[in-house]
Amino acid sequence: MDQVAAAETLADLSKLPQTRVHELTQNRNEQISVDVKHPYRLLLQSDHDQTPRKADGGLDWPGITKVVVLGIVNTHE
């Protein structure tokens, strides 16, 4: 959790070992999943007034510098 808190951007999280950071889809669209301990994931979401986006509409990970923690859940239930 210290490493997650120390990350300056969402892109920094993807560089942490064994976090398997990825964007979710469907009913969790725009949420970001970070592996914690199987089967649990830390769920994050951009906390910007306007979420930074790439030209294709996806999240601009280097541009996301503020996130809110939504919780720790098993996203496969």
N, C-alpha and C. Protein backbone atom coordinates (compact mmCIF):
# COMPACT_ATOMS: atom_id res chain seq x y z
N MET A 1 0.82 -1.19 0.00
CA MET A 1 0.00 0.00 0.00
C MET A 1 0.87 1.26 0.00
N ASP A 2 2.03 1.18 0.64
CA ASP A 2 2.93 2.34 0.64
C ASP A 2 3.38 2.67 -0.77
N GLN A 3 3.65 1.63 -1.57
CA GLN A 3 4.07 1.85 -2.95
C GLN A 3 2.94 2.45 -3.78
N VAL A 4 1.73 2.02 -3.54
CA VAL A 4 0.58 2.57 -4.24
C VAL A 4 0.44 4.05 -3.89
N ALA A 5 0.53 4.36 -2.61
CA ALA A 5 0.39 5.75 -2.16
C ALA A 5 1.52 6.63 -2.70
N ALA A 6 2.70 6.06 -2.90
CA ALA A 6 3.85 6.84 -3.37
C ALA A 6 3.84 7.09 -4.88
N ALA A 7 3.02 6.36 -5.61
CA ALA A 7 2.96 6.53 -7.07
C ALA A 7 2.46 7.92 -7.40
N GLU A 8 3.14 8.60 -8.31
CA GLU A 8 2.74 9.95 -8.71
C GLU A 8 1.66 9.95 -9.78
N THR A 9 1.64 8.90 -10.60
CA THR A 9 0.63 8.78 -11.65
C THR A 9 0.12 7.35 -11.69
N LEU A 10 -0.99 7.15 -12.37
CA LEU A 10 -1.52 5.81 -12.55
C LEU A 10 -0.52 4.95 -13.31
N ALA A 11 0.21 5.55 -14.23
CA ALA A 11 1.22 4.80 -14.99
C ALA A 11 2.30 4.23 -14.08
N ASP A 12 2.64 4.95 -13.01
CA ASP A 12 3.65 4.46 -12.06
C ASP A 12 3.20 3.16 -11.41
N LEU A 13 1.90 3.00 -11.18
CA LEU A 13 1.40 1.77 -10.55
C LEU A 13 1.66 0.55 -11.42
N SER A 14 1.58 0.73 -12.73
CA SER A 14 1.77 -0.41 -13.63
C SER A 14 3.20 -0.92 -13.60
N LYS A 15 4.12 -0.15 -13.06
CA LYS A 15 5.52 -0.55 -12.98
C LYS A 15 5.84 -1.33 -11.71
N LEU A 16 4.92 -1.35 -10.77
CA LEU A 16 5.15 -2.08 -9.52
C LEU A 16 5.05 -3.58 -9.78
N PRO A 17 5.93 -4.36 -9.16
CA PRO A 17 5.92 -5.81 -9.41
C PRO A 17 4.62 -6.45 -8.92
N GLN A 18 4.09 -7.33 -9.73
CA GLN A 18 2.95 -8.19 -9.42
C GLN A 18 1.66 -7.45 -9.05
N THR A 19 1.47 -6.23 -9.56
CA THR A 19 0.22 -5.53 -9.27
C THR A 19 -0.83 -5.76 -10.34
N ARG A 20 -0.41 -6.12 -11.55
CA ARG A 20 -1.32 -6.40 -12.66
C ARG A 20 -2.41 -5.34 -12.76
N VAL A 21 -2.00 -4.10 -12.84
CA VAL A 21 -2.93 -2.97 -12.92
C VAL A 21 -3.61 -2.99 -14.29
N HIS A 22 -4.94 -2.86 -14.30
CA HIS A 22 -5.65 -2.82 -15.57
C HIS A 22 -7.00 -2.14 -15.41
N GLU A 23 -7.48 -1.62 -16.54
CA GLU A 23 -8.79 -0.97 -16.57
C GLU A 23 -9.87 -2.05 -16.64
N LEU A 24 -10.96 -1.80 -15.96
CA LEU A 24 -12.09 -2.71 -15.99
C LEU A 24 -13.12 -2.21 -17.00
N THR A 25 -14.06 -3.06 -17.34
CA THR A 25 -15.09 -2.73 -18.33
C THR A 25 -16.47 -3.06 -17.78
N GLN A 26 -17.45 -2.95 -18.61
CA GLN A 26 -18.86 -3.25 -18.33
C GLN A 26 -19.36 -2.45 -17.14
N ASN A 27 -19.85 -3.10 -16.09
CA ASN A 27 -20.44 -2.36 -14.96
C ASN A 27 -19.37 -1.71 -14.09
N ARG A 28 -18.10 -1.93 -14.36
CA ARG A 28 -17.00 -1.29 -13.63
C ARG A 28 -16.17 -0.41 -14.56
N ASN A 29 -16.80 0.06 -15.65
CA ASN A 29 -16.12 0.92 -16.61
C ASN A 29 -15.49 2.11 -15.90
N GLU A 30 -14.27 2.47 -16.31
CA GLU A 30 -13.49 3.57 -15.77
C GLU A 30 -12.88 3.28 -14.40
N GLN A 31 -13.07 2.07 -13.89
CA GLN A 31 -12.41 1.69 -12.66
C GLN A 31 -11.10 0.99 -12.99
N ILE A 32 -10.14 1.10 -12.09
CA ILE A 32 -8.83 0.48 -12.27
C ILE A 32 -8.65 -0.57 -11.19
N SER A 33 -8.22 -1.75 -11.58
CA SER A 33 -8.01 -2.86 -10.67
C SER A 33 -6.52 -3.05 -10.41
N VAL A 34 -6.17 -3.21 -9.12
CA VAL A 34 -4.79 -3.48 -8.72
C VAL A 34 -4.81 -4.76 -7.89
N ASP A 35 -4.06 -5.78 -8.31
CA ASP A 35 -4.01 -7.02 -7.54
C ASP A 35 -3.48 -6.75 -6.14
N VAL A 36 -4.16 -7.32 -5.16
CA VAL A 36 -3.71 -7.22 -3.77
C VAL A 36 -3.28 -8.61 -3.32
N LYS A 37 -4.24 -9.46 -3.03
CA LYS A 37 -3.99 -10.86 -2.69
C LYS A 37 -5.16 -11.65 -3.24
N HIS A 38 -4.86 -12.61 -4.11
CA HIS A 38 -5.90 -13.37 -4.80
C HIS A 38 -6.96 -13.81 -3.82
N PRO A 39 -8.22 -13.59 -4.09
CA PRO A 39 -8.85 -13.04 -5.28
C PRO A 39 -9.18 -11.55 -5.16
N TYR A 40 -8.57 -10.85 -4.23
CA TYR A 40 -8.96 -9.47 -3.95
C TYR A 40 -8.19 -8.45 -4.78
N ARG A 41 -8.91 -7.39 -5.15
CA ARG A 41 -8.34 -6.30 -5.94
C ARG A 41 -8.67 -4.97 -5.25
N LEU A 42 -7.71 -4.06 -5.33
CA LEU A 42 -7.93 -2.69 -4.90
C LEU A 42 -8.54 -1.97 -6.09
N LEU A 43 -9.69 -1.36 -5.91
CA LEU A 43 -10.35 -0.64 -7.00
C LEU A 43 -10.14 0.85 -6.84
N LEU A 44 -9.70 1.47 -7.92
CA LEU A 44 -9.43 2.90 -7.95
C LEU A 44 -10.23 3.53 -9.07
N GLN A 45 -10.42 4.85 -8.97
CA GLN A 45 -11.06 5.61 -10.04
C GLN A 45 -10.44 6.99 -10.07
N SER A 46 -10.33 7.55 -11.25
CA SER A 46 -9.78 8.90 -11.39
C SER A 46 -10.55 9.87 -10.52
N ASP A 47 -9.83 10.79 -9.88
CA ASP A 47 -10.45 11.79 -9.03
C ASP A 47 -10.22 13.19 -9.60
N HIS A 48 -10.21 13.28 -10.92
CA HIS A 48 -10.07 14.56 -11.62
C HIS A 48 -11.46 15.07 -12.00
N ASP A 49 -11.63 16.38 -12.08
CA ASP A 49 -12.91 16.93 -12.56
C ASP A 49 -13.21 16.41 -13.96
N GLN A 50 -12.19 16.42 -14.81
CA GLN A 50 -12.29 15.81 -16.14
C GLN A 50 -11.17 14.77 -16.24
N THR A 51 -11.55 13.52 -16.36
CA THR A 51 -10.58 12.44 -16.42
C THR A 51 -9.69 12.59 -17.65
N PRO A 52 -8.36 12.60 -17.46
CA PRO A 52 -7.46 12.66 -18.62
C PRO A 52 -7.65 11.45 -19.53
N ARG A 53 -7.75 11.71 -20.83
CA ARG A 53 -8.00 10.63 -21.79
C ARG A 53 -7.04 10.70 -22.96
N LYS A 54 -6.79 9.52 -23.54
CA LYS A 54 -6.02 9.43 -24.77
C LYS A 54 -6.93 9.75 -25.95
N ALA A 55 -6.35 9.92 -27.11
CA ALA A 55 -7.12 10.23 -28.32
C ALA A 55 -8.18 9.17 -28.62
N ASP A 56 -7.89 7.90 -28.28
CA ASP A 56 -8.84 6.82 -28.57
C ASP A 56 -9.95 6.71 -27.51
N GLY A 57 -9.92 7.60 -26.49
CA GLY A 57 -10.96 7.60 -25.47
C GLY A 57 -10.59 6.85 -24.20
N GLY A 58 -9.51 6.07 -24.25
CA GLY A 58 -9.07 5.34 -23.06
C GLY A 58 -8.49 6.28 -22.01
N LEU A 59 -8.26 5.75 -20.84
CA LEU A 59 -7.68 6.55 -19.77
C LEU A 59 -6.22 6.88 -20.09
N ASP A 60 -5.84 8.12 -19.83
CA ASP A 60 -4.45 8.57 -20.03
C ASP A 60 -3.71 8.35 -18.71
N TRP A 61 -3.14 7.17 -18.55
CA TRP A 61 -2.53 6.77 -17.29
C TRP A 61 -1.48 7.76 -16.78
N PRO A 62 -0.55 8.25 -17.63
CA PRO A 62 0.42 9.22 -17.11
C PRO A 62 -0.23 10.54 -16.67
N GLY A 63 -1.39 10.85 -17.19
CA GLY A 63 -2.07 12.09 -16.86
C GLY A 63 -2.93 12.00 -15.61
N ILE A 64 -3.17 10.79 -15.14
CA ILE A 64 -4.02 10.62 -13.94
C ILE A 64 -3.12 10.67 -12.71
N THR A 65 -3.24 11.77 -12.00
CA THR A 65 -2.39 12.01 -10.83
C THR A 65 -3.18 11.97 -9.52
N LYS A 66 -4.50 11.85 -9.62
CA LYS A 66 -5.34 11.77 -8.43
C LYS A 66 -6.35 10.63 -8.62
N VAL A 67 -6.42 9.76 -7.63
CA VAL A 67 -7.40 8.68 -7.67
C VAL A 67 -8.12 8.61 -6.34
N VAL A 68 -9.28 8.01 -6.36
CA VAL A 68 -10.03 7.72 -5.15
C VAL A 68 -10.08 6.20 -5.02
N VAL A 69 -9.92 5.71 -3.79
CA VAL A 69 -10.01 4.28 -3.52
C VAL A 69 -11.48 3.93 -3.33
N LEU A 70 -11.96 3.01 -4.16
CA LEU A 70 -13.36 2.59 -4.09
C LEU A 70 -13.55 1.43 -3.12
N GLY A 71 -12.49 0.68 -2.90
CA GLY A 71 -12.57 -0.45 -1.97
C GLY A 71 -11.69 -1.59 -2.40
N ILE A 72 -11.73 -2.65 -1.60
CA ILE A 72 -11.04 -3.90 -1.91
C ILE A 72 -12.11 -4.95 -2.08
N VAL A 73 -12.18 -5.54 -3.28
CA VAL A 73 -13.26 -6.48 -3.58
C VAL A 73 -12.73 -7.65 -4.41
N ASN A 74 -13.56 -8.68 -4.47
CA ASN A 74 -13.34 -9.79 -5.39
C ASN A 74 -14.17 -9.46 -6.62
N THR A 75 -13.54 -9.01 -7.69
CA THR A 75 -14.27 -8.56 -8.88
C THR A 75 -14.84 -9.72 -9.69
N HIS A 76 -14.55 -10.95 -9.31
CA HIS A 76 -15.01 -12.10 -10.08
C HIS A 76 -16.24 -12.77 -9.46
N GLU A 77 -16.79 -12.15 -8.44
CA GLU A 77 -18.02 -12.73 -7.82
C GLU A 77 -19.23 -12.28 -8.58
